C-alpha atoms as a PDB file:
ATOM      1  CA  MET A   1      27.893   3.771  41.706  1.00  0.00           C
ATOM      2  CA  ARG A   2      30.350   6.372  42.932  1.00  0.00           C
ATOM      3  CA  SER A   3      29.227   6.033  46.556  1.00  0.00           C
ATOM      4  CA  ARG A   4      29.699   2.312  46.363  1.00  0.00           C
ATOM      5  CA  HIS A   5      33.260   2.696  45.018  1.00  0.00           C
ATOM      6  CA  ALA A   6      34.031   5.340  47.622  1.00  0.00           C
ATOM      7  CA  GLN A   7      32.839   3.037  50.406  1.00  0.00           C
ATOM      8  CA  ALA A   8      34.974   0.234  49.026  1.00  0.00           C
ATOM      9  CA  VAL A   9      38.025   2.493  48.997  1.00  0.00           C
ATOM     10  CA  LEU A  10      37.392   3.688  52.546  1.00  0.00           C
ATOM     11  CA  CYS A  11      37.024   0.101  53.724  1.00  0.00           C
ATOM     12  CA  ALA A  12      40.313  -0.803  52.091  1.00  0.00           C
ATOM     13  CA  ILE A  13      42.007   2.150  53.774  1.00  0.00           C
ATOM     14  CA  ALA A  14      40.542   1.247  57.147  1.00  0.00           C
ATOM     15  CA  ILE A  15      41.717  -2.364  56.852  1.00  0.00           C
ATOM     16  CA  MET A  16      45.153  -1.259  55.901  1.00  0.00           C
ATOM     17  CA  ALA A  17      45.259   1.235  58.755  1.00  0.00           C
ATOM     18  CA  ALA A  18      44.208  -1.475  61.162  1.00  0.00           C
ATOM     19  CA  ALA A  19      46.910  -3.752  59.828  1.00  0.00           C
ATOM     20  CA  CYS A  20      49.490  -1.038  60.400  1.00  0.00           C
ATOM     21  CA  GLY A  21      48.263  -0.532  63.952  1.00  0.00           C
ATOM     22  CA  ASN A  22      48.571  -4.267  64.788  1.00  0.00           C
ATOM     23  CA  SER A  23      52.099  -4.575  63.454  1.00  0.00           C
ATOM     24  CA  PRO A  24      55.018  -4.488  66.038  1.00  0.00           C
ATOM     25  CA  SER A  25      56.579  -1.089  66.497  1.00  0.00           C
ATOM     26  CA  GLY A  26      60.031  -2.497  66.151  1.00  0.00           C
ATOM     27  CA  ASP A  27      59.504  -3.679  62.588  1.00  0.00           C
ATOM     28  CA  THR A  28      60.060  -0.369  60.887  1.00  0.00           C
ATOM     29  CA  ALA A  29      60.906  -1.902  57.547  1.00  0.00           C
ATOM     30  CA  ALA A  30      57.727  -3.920  57.260  1.00  0.00           C
ATOM     31  CA  PRO A  31      55.385  -1.120  57.977  1.00  0.00           C
ATOM     32  CA  ALA A  32      57.239   1.180  55.641  1.00  0.00           C
ATOM     33  CA  SER A  33      56.669  -1.188  52.804  1.00  0.00           C
ATOM     34  CA  GLY A  34      53.138  -1.850  54.040  1.00  0.00           C
ATOM     35  CA  THR A  35      52.267   1.813  54.137  1.00  0.00           C
ATOM     36  CA  ALA A  36      53.795   2.340  50.767  1.00  0.00           C
ATOM     37  CA  THR A  37      51.328  -0.100  49.291  1.00  0.00           C
ATOM     38  CA  PRO A  38      48.212   1.682  50.453  1.00  0.00           C
ATOM     39  CA  THR A  39      49.749   4.980  49.448  1.00  0.00           C
ATOM     40  CA  THR A  40      49.979   3.688  45.896  1.00  0.00           C
ATOM     41  CA  THR A  41      46.510   2.207  46.063  1.00  0.00           C
ATOM     42  CA  THR A  42      44.819   5.369  47.312  1.00  0.00           C
ATOM     43  CA  PRO A  43      45.525   7.255  44.127  1.00  0.00           C
ATOM     44  CA  THR A  44      44.117   4.292  42.240  1.00  0.00           C
ATOM     45  CA  ALA A  45      40.805   4.849  44.013  1.00  0.00           C
ATOM     46  CA  PRO A  46      39.698   7.292  41.316  1.00  0.00           C
ATOM     47  CA  GLU A  47      39.976   4.457  38.754  1.00  0.00           C
ATOM     48  CA  PRO A  48      36.272   3.740  39.121  1.00  0.00           C
ATOM     49  CA  GLU A  49      35.645   7.354  38.066  1.00  0.00           C
ATOM     50  CA  PRO A  50      36.370   6.572  34.412  1.00  0.00           C
ATOM     51  CA  THR A  51      33.728   3.883  34.797  1.00  0.00           C
ATOM     52  CA  ASP A  52      31.339   6.536  36.060  1.00  0.00           C
ATOM     53  CA  ILE A  53      32.381   8.808  33.241  1.00  0.00           C
ATOM     54  CA  GLY A  54      31.689   6.059  30.760  1.00  0.00           C
ATOM     55  CA  GLU A  55      28.340   5.218  32.289  1.00  0.00           C
ATOM     56  CA  ALA A  56      27.160   8.832  32.665  1.00  0.00           C
ATOM     57  CA  PRO A  57      27.017   9.623  28.945  1.00  0.00           C
ATOM     58  CA  GLU A  58      25.080   6.418  28.252  1.00  0.00           C
ATOM     59  CA  PRO A  59      21.863   7.551  29.925  1.00  0.00           C
ATOM     60  CA  ALA A  60      22.480  11.060  28.633  1.00  0.00           C
ATOM     61  CA  SER A  61      22.891   9.776  25.099  1.00  0.00           C
ATOM     62  CA  GLU A  62      19.771   7.602  25.262  1.00  0.00           C
ATOM     63  CA  PRO A  63      17.271  10.436  25.729  1.00  0.00           C
ATOM     64  CA  GLU A  64      19.048  12.605  23.179  1.00  0.00           C
ATOM     65  CA  PRO A  65      18.132  10.493  20.142  1.00  0.00           C
ATOM     66  CA  THR A  66      14.689   9.989  21.622  1.00  0.00           C
ATOM     67  CA  ASP A  67      14.166  13.730  21.965  1.00  0.00           C
ATOM     68  CA  ILE A  68      15.637  14.364  18.544  1.00  0.00           C
ATOM     69  CA  GLY A  69      13.439  11.709  16.978  1.00  0.00           C
ATOM     70  CA  GLU A  70      10.238  12.847  18.664  1.00  0.00           C
ATOM     71  CA  ALA A  71      10.732  16.587  18.195  1.00  0.00           C
ATOM     72  CA  PRO A  72      10.582  16.634  14.366  1.00  0.00           C
ATOM     73  CA  GLU A  73       7.546  14.336  14.253  1.00  0.00           C
ATOM     74  CA  PRO A  74       5.097  16.714  15.944  1.00  0.00           C
ATOM     75  CA  ALA A  75       6.779  19.628  14.224  1.00  0.00           C
ATOM     76  CA  SER A  76       6.269  18.040  10.802  1.00  0.00           C
ATOM     77  CA  GLU A  77       2.619  17.102  11.436  1.00  0.00           C
ATOM     78  CA  PRO A  78       1.247  20.619  11.864  1.00  0.00           C
ATOM     79  CA  GLU A  79       3.152  21.897   8.832  1.00  0.00           C
ATOM     80  CA  PRO A  80       0.900  20.171   6.252  1.00  0.00           C
ATOM     81  CA  THR A  81      -2.091  21.061   8.389  1.00  0.00           C
ATOM     82  CA  ASP A  82      -1.101  24.708   8.368  1.00  0.00           C
ATOM     83  CA  THR A  83      -0.450  24.644   4.643  1.00  0.00           C
ATOM     84  CA  GLY A  84      -3.833  23.012   4.131  1.00  0.00           C
ATOM     85  CA  GLU A  85      -5.637  25.631   6.174  1.00  0.00           C
ATOM     86  CA  ALA A  86      -3.903  28.551   4.529  1.00  0.00           C
ATOM     87  CA  PRO A  87      -5.800  28.308   1.202  1.00  0.00           C
ATOM     88  CA  ASP A  88      -9.067  27.773   3.083  1.00  0.00           C
ATOM     89  CA  THR A  89      -8.632  31.105   4.823  1.00  0.00           C
ATOM     90  CA  THR A  90      -7.753  32.839   1.575  1.00  0.00           C
ATOM     91  CA  GLU A  91     -10.763  31.472  -0.356  1.00  0.00           C
ATOM     92  CA  PRO A  92     -13.458  33.079   1.815  1.00  0.00           C
ATOM     93  CA  SER A  93     -11.418  36.236   1.881  1.00  0.00           C
ATOM     94  CA  GLU A  94     -11.703  36.614  -1.912  1.00  0.00           C
ATOM     95  CA  PRO A  95     -15.351  37.749  -1.883  1.00  0.00           C
ATOM     96  CA  THR A  96     -14.581  40.116   0.948  1.00  0.00           C
ATOM     97  CA  VAL A  97     -11.866  41.639  -1.205  1.00  0.00           C
ATOM     98  CA  GLU A  98     -14.270  41.971  -4.135  1.00  0.00           C
ATOM     99  CA  GLU A  99     -17.112  43.447  -2.081  1.00  0.00           C
ATOM    100  CA  PRO A 100     -15.485  46.842  -1.617  1.00  0.00           C
ATOM    101  CA  VAL A 101     -14.871  46.924  -5.370  1.00  0.00           C
ATOM    102  CA  VAL A 102     -18.607  46.665  -6.070  1.00  0.00           C
ATOM    103  CA  GLU A 103     -19.925  50.163  -6.521  1.00  0.00           C
ATOM    104  CA  GLU A 104     -23.421  51.479  -6.193  1.00  0.00           C
ATOM    105  CA  PRO A 105     -25.299  51.323  -9.509  1.00  0.00           C
ATOM    106  CA  VAL A 106     -25.019  54.513 -11.459  1.00  0.00           C
ATOM    107  CA  ASP A 107     -28.300  55.990 -12.620  1.00  0.00           C
ATOM    108  CA  PRO A 108     -27.985  56.283 -16.424  1.00  0.00           C
ATOM    109  CA  TYR A 109     -30.616  59.012 -16.378  1.00  0.00           C
ATOM    110  CA  PRO A 110     -29.782  61.208 -13.399  1.00  0.00           C
ATOM    111  CA  GLU A 111     -31.732  64.068 -14.928  1.00  0.00           C
ATOM    112  CA  ARG A 112     -34.980  62.120 -14.524  1.00  0.00           C
ATOM    113  CA  HIS A 113     -35.115  63.254 -10.900  1.00  0.00           C
ATOM    114  CA  THR A 114     -35.243  66.887 -11.984  1.00  0.00           C
ATOM    115  CA  PHE A 115     -38.625  68.431 -12.554  1.00  0.00           C
ATOM    116  CA  VAL A 116     -39.282  69.376 -16.170  1.00  0.00           C
ATOM    117  CA  ALA A 117     -42.275  71.504 -17.086  1.00  0.00           C
ATOM    118  CA  LEU A 118     -44.451  69.829 -19.721  1.00  0.00           C
ATOM    119  CA  GLU A 119     -47.680  70.905 -21.370  1.00  0.00           C
ATOM    120  CA  GLY A 120     -50.030  69.182 -23.766  1.00  0.00           C
ATOM    121  CA  VAL A 121     -48.867  65.613 -22.997  1.00  0.00           C
ATOM    122  CA  PRO A 122     -51.756  63.173 -22.344  1.00  0.00           C
ATOM    123  CA  GLY A 123     -51.835  61.881 -18.773  1.00  0.00           C
ATOM    124  CA  VAL A 124     -49.008  64.129 -17.544  1.00  0.00           C
ATOM    125  CA  THR A 125     -49.545  66.749 -14.833  1.00  0.00           C
ATOM    126  CA  ASP A 126     -47.037  68.601 -12.707  1.00  0.00           C
ATOM    127  CA  ASP A 127     -47.244  65.818 -10.101  1.00  0.00           C
ATOM    128  CA  GLU A 128     -48.197  62.602 -11.893  1.00  0.00           C
ATOM    129  CA  ILE A 129     -47.744  60.444 -14.983  1.00  0.00           C
ATOM    130  CA  ARG A 130     -50.938  58.433 -15.468  1.00  0.00           C
ATOM    131  CA  VAL A 131     -51.430  55.139 -17.321  1.00  0.00           C
ATOM    132  CA  SER A 132     -54.340  52.774 -18.033  1.00  0.00           C
ATOM    133  CA  VAL A 133     -54.386  49.000 -17.532  1.00  0.00           C
ATOM    134  CA  VAL A 134     -56.536  46.584 -19.540  1.00  0.00           C
ATOM    135  CA  GLY A 135     -56.731  42.860 -18.814  1.00  0.00           C
ATOM    136  CA  ILE A 136     -59.053  39.917 -18.430  1.00  0.00           C
ATOM    137  CA  LYS A 137     -60.769  38.940 -15.190  1.00  0.00           C
ATOM    138  CA  GLN A 138     -64.409  38.080 -15.896  1.00  0.00           C
ATOM    139  CA  ASN A 139     -65.016  35.295 -18.439  1.00  0.00           C
ATOM    140  CA  ASN A 140     -61.403  34.163 -18.171  1.00  0.00           C
ATOM    141  CA  PRO A 141     -61.461  30.642 -19.650  1.00  0.00           C
ATOM    142  CA  LEU A 142     -58.128  29.824 -18.036  1.00  0.00           C
ATOM    143  CA  GLY A 143     -59.396  30.510 -14.531  1.00  0.00           C
ATOM    144  CA  THR A 144     -56.022  32.015 -13.619  1.00  0.00           C
ATOM    145  CA  CYS A 145     -55.103  35.345 -12.041  1.00  0.00           C
ATOM    146  CA  ILE A 146     -54.332  37.709 -14.915  1.00  0.00           C
ATOM    147  CA  LEU A 147     -55.666  41.251 -14.483  1.00  0.00           C
ATOM    148  CA  ASP A 148     -55.342  41.471 -10.686  1.00  0.00           C
ATOM    149  CA  CYS A 149     -51.854  39.970 -10.668  1.00  0.00           C
ATOM    150  CA  TYR A 150     -50.789  42.192 -13.552  1.00  0.00           C
ATOM    151  CA  VAL A 151     -51.938  45.291 -11.649  1.00  0.00           C
ATOM    152  CA  THR A 152     -50.093  44.128  -8.525  1.00  0.00           C
ATOM    153  CA  GLY A 153     -46.836  43.847 -10.454  1.00  0.00           C
ATOM    154  CA  ILE A 154     -47.246  47.250 -12.103  1.00  0.00           C
ATOM    155  CA  ARG A 155     -47.957  48.969  -8.795  1.00  0.00           C
ATOM    156  CA  SER A 156     -44.953  47.317  -7.161  1.00  0.00           C
ATOM    157  CA  TYR A 157     -42.660  48.629  -9.871  1.00  0.00           C
ATOM    158  CA  PHE A 158     -44.226  52.079  -9.776  1.00  0.00           C
ATOM    159  CA  ASP A 159     -43.666  52.192  -6.006  1.00  0.00           C
ATOM    160  CA  TYR A 160     -40.005  51.330  -6.564  1.00  0.00           C
ATOM    161  CA  VAL A 161     -39.564  54.113  -9.135  1.00  0.00           C
ATOM    162  CA  ASN A 162     -41.506  56.648  -7.082  1.00  0.00           C
ATOM    163  CA  ASP A 163     -39.471  55.901  -3.947  1.00  0.00           C
ATOM    164  CA  SER A 164     -36.314  56.711  -5.904  1.00  0.00           C
ATOM    165  CA  GLY A 165     -37.625  60.082  -7.036  1.00  0.00           C
ATOM    166  CA  GLY A 166     -40.118  59.271  -9.769  1.00  0.00           C
ATOM    167  CA  VAL A 167     -39.679  60.473 -13.343  1.00  0.00           C
ATOM    168  CA  TYR A 168     -38.910  64.158 -13.924  1.00  0.00           C
ATOM    169  CA  GLY A 169     -40.255  64.975 -10.488  1.00  0.00           C
ATOM    170  CA  ARG A 170     -43.536  63.118 -11.048  1.00  0.00           C
ATOM    171  CA  ASN A 171     -45.000  59.914  -9.601  1.00  0.00           C
ATOM    172  CA  LEU A 172     -46.156  57.054 -11.802  1.00  0.00           C
ATOM    173  CA  VAL A 173     -49.799  56.168 -11.089  1.00  0.00           C
ATOM    174  CA  ILE A 174     -52.494  53.897 -12.527  1.00  0.00           C
ATOM    175  CA  ASP A 175     -55.348  56.101 -13.699  1.00  0.00           C
ATOM    176  CA  GLU A 176     -57.907  53.408 -14.573  1.00  0.00           C
ATOM    177  CA  ILE A 177     -58.209  49.609 -14.618  1.00  0.00           C
ATOM    178  CA  LEU A 178     -60.453  48.048 -17.281  1.00  0.00           C
ATOM    179  CA  ASP A 179     -61.626  44.422 -17.466  1.00  0.00           C
ATOM    180  CA  ASP A 180     -62.080  43.489 -21.116  1.00  0.00           C
ATOM    181  CA  GLU A 181     -64.144  40.436 -20.137  1.00  0.00           C
ATOM    182  CA  LEU A 182     -62.482  38.516 -22.971  1.00  0.00           C
ATOM    183  CA  PHE A 183     -64.371  40.178 -25.847  1.00  0.00           C
ATOM    184  CA  ARG A 184     -64.204  43.925 -25.014  1.00  0.00           C
ATOM    185  CA  ASN A 185     -60.528  44.613 -25.604  1.00  0.00           C
ATOM    186  CA  GLN A 186     -61.012  46.795 -28.661  1.00  0.00           C
ATOM    187  CA  GLU A 187     -63.825  48.693 -26.949  1.00  0.00           C
ATOM    188  CA  HIS A 188     -61.543  49.619 -24.048  1.00  0.00           C
ATOM    189  CA  ALA A 189     -58.678  50.494 -26.395  1.00  0.00           C
ATOM    190  CA  LEU A 190     -60.886  52.983 -28.226  1.00  0.00           C
ATOM    191  CA  LYS A 191     -61.989  54.448 -24.882  1.00  0.00           C
ATOM    192  CA  ILE A 192     -58.379  55.045 -23.836  1.00  0.00           C
ATOM    193  CA  ILE A 193     -57.687  56.795 -27.129  1.00  0.00           C
ATOM    194  CA  ALA A 194     -60.810  58.963 -26.886  1.00  0.00           C
ATOM    195  CA  ASP A 195     -60.280  59.957 -23.248  1.00  0.00           C
ATOM    196  CA  ASN A 196     -56.715  61.076 -23.996  1.00  0.00           C
ATOM    197  CA  SER A 197     -55.964  61.007 -20.269  1.00  0.00           C
ATOM    198  CA  SER A 198     -53.239  58.334 -20.166  1.00  0.00           C
ATOM    199  CA  LEU A 199     -49.658  58.591 -21.308  1.00  0.00           C
ATOM    200  CA  ALA A 200     -49.467  54.827 -21.921  1.00  0.00           C
ATOM    201  CA  ALA A 201     -51.473  51.613 -21.705  1.00  0.00           C
ATOM    202  CA  PHE A 202     -50.706  48.206 -20.204  1.00  0.00           C
ATOM    203  CA  GLN A 203     -52.395  45.106 -21.625  1.00  0.00           C
ATOM    204  CA  ALA A 204     -52.699  41.520 -20.356  1.00  0.00           C
ATOM    205  CA  THR A 205     -55.406  39.894 -22.436  1.00  0.00           C
ATOM    206  CA  LEU A 206     -56.249  36.701 -24.256  1.00  0.00           C
ATOM    207  CA  LEU A 207     -57.811  38.399 -27.286  1.00  0.00           C
ATOM    208  CA  PRO A 208     -55.791  41.529 -28.248  1.00  0.00           C
ATOM    209  CA  SER A 209     -58.341  42.972 -30.641  1.00  0.00           C
ATOM    210  CA  GLY A 210     -57.491  46.571 -29.669  1.00  0.00           C
ATOM    211  CA  TRP A 211     -53.713  46.504 -30.084  1.00  0.00           C
ATOM    212  CA  GLY A 212     -53.874  47.723 -33.660  1.00  0.00           C
ATOM    213  CA  ASP A 213     -55.934  50.766 -32.639  1.00  0.00           C
ATOM    214  CA  LEU A 214     -53.561  51.687 -29.811  1.00  0.00           C
ATOM    215  CA  ASN A 215     -50.570  51.321 -32.105  1.00  0.00           C
ATOM    216  CA  GLY A 216     -52.191  53.439 -34.787  1.00  0.00           C
ATOM    217  CA  ALA A 217     -53.023  56.204 -32.292  1.00  0.00           C
ATOM    218  CA  GLY A 218     -49.411  56.315 -31.105  1.00  0.00           C
ATOM    219  CA  VAL A 219     -50.211  55.176 -27.565  1.00  0.00           C
ATOM    220  CA  PRO A 220     -47.200  53.376 -26.026  1.00  0.00           C
ATOM    221  CA  THR A 221     -48.630  49.983 -25.042  1.00  0.00           C
ATOM    222  CA  PHE A 222     -46.769  47.537 -22.803  1.00  0.00           C
ATOM    223  CA  VAL A 223     -48.164  44.023 -23.205  1.00  0.00           C
ATOM    224  CA  TRP A 224     -48.058  40.472 -21.931  1.00  0.00           C
ATOM    225  CA  ASN A 225     -46.541  39.211 -25.139  1.00  0.00           C
ATOM    226  CA  ILE A 226     -48.284  35.929 -25.828  1.00  0.00           C
ATOM    227  CA  HIS A 227     -49.612  37.250 -29.138  1.00  0.00           C
ATOM    228  CA  GLY A 228     -46.626  37.548 -31.440  1.00  0.00           C
ATOM    229  CA  ALA A 229     -48.707  37.968 -34.583  1.00  0.00           C
ATOM    230  CA  ASP A 230     -50.534  40.957 -33.053  1.00  0.00           C
ATOM    231  CA  ALA A 231     -47.336  42.622 -31.830  1.00  0.00           C
ATOM    232  CA  VAL A 232     -44.982  42.179 -34.773  1.00  0.00           C
ATOM    233  CA  ASN A 233     -44.233  45.245 -36.938  1.00  0.00           C
ATOM    234  CA  ARG A 234     -46.097  47.558 -34.549  1.00  0.00           C
ATOM    235  CA  ASN A 235     -43.700  50.200 -33.256  1.00  0.00           C
ATOM    236  CA  ASN A 236     -45.845  51.240 -30.289  1.00  0.00           C
ATOM    237  CA  ILE A 237     -46.378  47.708 -28.923  1.00  0.00           C
ATOM    238  CA  PHE A 238     -43.708  46.704 -26.390  1.00  0.00           C
ATOM    239  CA  GLY A 239     -43.725  43.071 -25.249  1.00  0.00           C
ATOM    240  CA  ASN A 240     -42.360  41.653 -22.013  1.00  0.00           C
ATOM    241  CA  HIS A 241     -40.094  39.375 -24.067  1.00  0.00           C
ATOM    242  CA  VAL A 242     -38.712  39.148 -27.582  1.00  0.00           C
ATOM    243  CA  ILE A 243     -41.184  38.185 -30.289  1.00  0.00           C
ATOM    244  CA  GLY A 244     -40.424  34.774 -31.742  1.00  0.00           C
ATOM    245  CA  CYS A 245     -41.075  33.544 -35.252  1.00  0.00           C
ATOM    246  CA  PRO A 246     -44.701  32.353 -35.146  1.00  0.00           C
ATOM    247  CA  THR A 247     -44.722  31.224 -38.773  1.00  0.00           C
ATOM    248  CA  CYS A 248     -41.448  29.274 -38.672  1.00  0.00           C
ATOM    249  CA  THR A 249     -41.388  25.486 -38.809  1.00  0.00           C
ATOM    250  CA  ILE A 250     -40.624  23.708 -35.540  1.00  0.00           C
ATOM    251  CA  ARG A 251     -38.412  20.635 -35.756  1.00  0.00           C
ATOM    252  CA  SER A 252     -38.782  19.862 -32.052  1.00  0.00           C
ATOM    253  CA  PHE A 253     -42.564  19.554 -32.423  1.00  0.00           C
ATOM    254  CA  VAL A 254     -42.194  16.886 -35.108  1.00  0.00           C
ATOM    255  CA  TRP A 255     -39.605  15.053 -32.997  1.00  0.00           C
ATOM    256  CA  ILE A 256     -41.975  14.950 -30.002  1.00  0.00           C
ATOM    257  CA  ALA A 257     -44.746  13.547 -32.191  1.00  0.00           C
ATOM    258  CA  SER A 258     -42.381  10.908 -33.571  1.00  0.00           C
ATOM    259  CA  GLN A 259     -41.393   9.850 -30.054  1.00  0.00           C
ATOM    260  CA  ALA A 260     -45.089   9.197 -29.378  1.00  0.00           C
ATOM    261  CA  GLY A 261     -45.263   6.986 -32.473  1.00  0.00           C
ATOM    262  CA  ALA A 262     -47.441   9.430 -34.419  1.00  0.00           C
ATOM    263  CA  THR A 263     -48.192   8.728 -38.062  1.00  0.00           C
ATOM    264  CA  ARG A 264     -51.468  10.596 -38.667  1.00  0.00           C
ATOM    265  CA  VAL A 265     -51.671  13.946 -36.851  1.00  0.00           C
ATOM    266  CA  GLY A 266     -54.693  16.117 -36.049  1.00  0.00           C
ATOM    267  CA  LEU A 267     -54.219  19.893 -35.559  1.00  0.00           C
ATOM    268  CA  LEU A 268     -56.701  22.275 -33.894  1.00  0.00           C
ATOM    269  CA  GLY A 269     -56.826  26.064 -33.460  1.00  0.00           C
ATOM    270  CA  TYR A 270     -59.195  28.947 -32.745  1.00  0.00           C
ATOM    271  CA  GLY A 271     -60.625  31.049 -35.559  1.00  0.00           C
ATOM    272  CA  ILE A 272     -61.086  34.184 -33.453  1.00  0.00           C
ATOM    273  CA  THR A 273     -57.401  34.820 -32.738  1.00  0.00           C
ATOM    274  CA  GLU A 274     -54.689  35.231 -35.340  1.00  0.00           C
ATOM    275  CA  THR A 275     -52.112  33.875 -32.925  1.00  0.00           C
ATOM    276  CA  SER A 276     -53.891  30.526 -32.666  1.00  0.00           C
ATOM    277  CA  LYS A 277     -54.389  30.263 -36.431  1.00  0.00           C
ATOM    278  CA  VAL A 278     -50.727  31.042 -37.132  1.00  0.00           C
ATOM    279  CA  CYS A 279     -49.664  28.492 -34.525  1.00  0.00           C
ATOM    280  CA  ALA A 280     -51.757  25.710 -36.089  1.00  0.00           C
ATOM    281  CA  LYS A 281     -50.429  26.567 -39.559  1.00  0.00           C
ATOM    282  CA  ALA A 282     -46.823  26.438 -38.302  1.00  0.00           C
ATOM    283  CA  PHE A 283     -47.462  22.954 -36.881  1.00  0.00           C
ATOM    284  CA  ALA A 284     -48.866  21.800 -40.231  1.00  0.00           C
ATOM    285  CA  ASP A 285     -45.911  23.261 -42.151  1.00  0.00           C
ATOM    286  CA  SER A 286     -43.512  21.526 -39.780  1.00  0.00           C
ATOM    287  CA  ILE A 287     -45.077  18.113 -40.403  1.00  0.00           C
ATOM    288  CA  ASP A 288     -45.145  18.725 -44.158  1.00  0.00           C
ATOM    289  CA  LEU A 289     -41.414  19.510 -44.064  1.00  0.00           C
ATOM    290  CA  TYR A 290     -40.046  16.946 -41.607  1.00  0.00           C
ATOM    291  CA  GLY A 291     -42.831  14.358 -41.390  1.00  0.00           C
ATOM    292  CA  PRO A 292     -42.303  12.300 -44.591  1.00  0.00           C
ATOM    293  CA  ALA A 293     -38.905  11.076 -43.404  1.00  0.00           C
ATOM    294  CA  LEU A 294     -40.596   9.800 -40.242  1.00  0.00           C
ATOM    295  CA  GLY A 295     -43.694   8.353 -41.892  1.00  0.00           C
ATOM    296  CA  MET A 296     -45.885  11.170 -40.556  1.00  0.00           C
ATOM    297  CA  GLU A 297     -48.582  13.302 -42.185  1.00  0.00           C
ATOM    298  CA  VAL A 298     -51.401  15.732 -41.301  1.00  0.00           C
ATOM    299  CA  ALA A 299     -54.642  13.747 -41.316  1.00  0.00           C
ATOM    300  CA  TYR A 300     -56.966  16.432 -39.884  1.00  0.00           C
ATOM    301  CA  PHE A 301     -56.685  20.239 -39.710  1.00  0.00           C
ATOM    302  CA  ASN A 302     -59.163  22.734 -38.207  1.00  0.00           C
ATOM    303  CA  ASP A 303     -58.145  26.291 -37.232  1.00  0.00           C
ATOM    304  CA  ASP A 304     -61.653  27.746 -37.040  1.00  0.00           C
ATOM    305  CA  LEU A 305     -62.982  26.460 -33.708  1.00  0.00           C
ATOM    306  CA  ALA A 306     -65.112  28.733 -31.492  1.00  0.00           C
ATOM    307  CA  TYR A 307     -63.180  30.208 -28.590  1.00  0.00           C
ATOM    308  CA  GLY A 308     -63.668  28.181 -25.402  1.00  0.00           C
ATOM    309  CA  LEU A 309     -65.536  25.447 -27.328  1.00  0.00           C
ATOM    310  CA  PRO A 310     -69.005  26.636 -26.202  1.00  0.00           C
ATOM    311  CA  ASN A 311     -70.677  23.957 -28.333  1.00  0.00           C
ATOM    312  CA  GLY A 312     -68.287  21.206 -27.354  1.00  0.00           C
ATOM    313  CA  ILE A 313     -65.980  19.379 -29.720  1.00  0.00           C
ATOM    314  CA  GLY A 314     -67.846  16.119 -30.328  1.00  0.00           C
ATOM    315  CA  PRO A 315     -68.202  16.452 -34.123  1.00  0.00           C
ATOM    316  CA  GLU A 316     -64.515  17.268 -34.566  1.00  0.00           C
ATOM    317  CA  VAL A 317     -63.486  14.266 -32.458  1.00  0.00           C
ATOM    318  CA  THR A 318     -65.678  12.009 -34.601  1.00  0.00           C
ATOM    319  CA  GLN A 319     -64.046  13.341 -37.765  1.00  0.00           C
ATOM    320  CA  MET A 320     -60.556  12.756 -36.350  1.00  0.00           C
ATOM    321  CA  ILE A 321     -61.435   9.176 -35.429  1.00  0.00           C
ATOM    322  CA  GLU A 322     -62.721   8.563 -38.943  1.00  0.00           C
ATOM    323  CA  ALA A 323     -59.488  10.051 -40.349  1.00  0.00           C
ATOM    324  CA  GLY A 324     -57.400   7.625 -38.303  1.00  0.00           C
ATOM    325  CA  VAL A 325     -55.730  10.335 -36.201  1.00  0.00           C
ATOM    326  CA  ASP A 326     -53.331   8.885 -33.615  1.00  0.00           C
ATOM    327  CA  PHE A 327     -51.795  12.157 -32.323  1.00  0.00           C
ATOM    328  CA  ILE A 328     -53.432  15.567 -31.648  1.00  0.00           C
ATOM    329  CA  ALA A 329     -51.712  18.951 -31.218  1.00  0.00           C
ATOM    330  CA  THR A 330     -53.622  22.135 -30.369  1.00  0.00           C
ATOM    331  CA  CYS A 331     -53.098  25.891 -30.204  1.00  0.00           C
ATOM    332  CA  MET A 332     -55.831  26.399 -27.613  1.00  0.00           C
ATOM    333  CA  ASP A 333     -56.086  27.213 -23.909  1.00  0.00           C
ATOM    334  CA  LEU A 334     -55.806  24.647 -21.134  1.00  0.00           C
ATOM    335  CA  ASN A 335     -59.538  24.371 -20.476  1.00  0.00           C
ATOM    336  CA  ALA A 336     -60.243  23.603 -24.128  1.00  0.00           C
ATOM    337  CA  MET A 337     -57.572  20.927 -24.102  1.00  0.00           C
ATOM    338  CA  LEU A 338     -59.170  19.376 -21.018  1.00  0.00           C
ATOM    339  CA  THR A 339     -62.516  19.377 -22.826  1.00  0.00           C
ATOM    340  CA  LEU A 340     -60.881  17.689 -25.791  1.00  0.00           C
END
């Protein structure tokens, strides 16, 4: 724009100069007035400059609001993103802060790593603490892994203890493993007592006929505690879980029977094990207590069946059919229930 105005001014000056050159030299007055006119017009040539000044800020002002408007938008977008990421980074850092706080477990019995001389303790030598394990393998009516798996677990724990220093400078070892073959539990218990070569006994059996003897002889016995009636009130029998109340009534049992539409219930148990007999009696007591409100009663009760049902259960089934039994509950092993 300025170049165009400058060219226009120069053209005007050139025309005026040419006009002055063509005028007669004698006419001094005319040229004086003629030259005065361009002299006054030449200073007016900068008049377009205000136009340039007015136009210049317009393009300058246009990008300014555009820049101002665009700048805060990207600046505001990352702010919520940053604030959203901040808690994410702090959350995973919390466990890392807690990890150093976690300390190594403190051994409550640090003195157990120190050798202590002992004499006259069954199964204890200067190097070893020996125990016996009794369980069922042969004649196992369940067909499950009991004795072998029990021994595997004991050895794994003994290895753990021995690797950490043992007990009073001695290693824990299994001295003998005895299969009670279902009916020889008491025989093996008496053998352990007579040999007097084990500090403690471990038992995983289906018929705990020898627990009373071990308890009476003061042999610490650690058991698979599925026989509450044989473990209760015996100070030397230590179960793998808390003993429940085997003689207590069971409301949930009656509710399950009611959901099946039971009205006349048959109850079966083994006569050889106190645990099974107590279980069957608890079922009967539960129905006597809660059953009348649900129209339910015990129609058949037998807690004297032979273990494993060696003679079958045909006669008992016939009696239950004649009694109108429509629901059966048992305190027997899985194989017997399959036979039933």
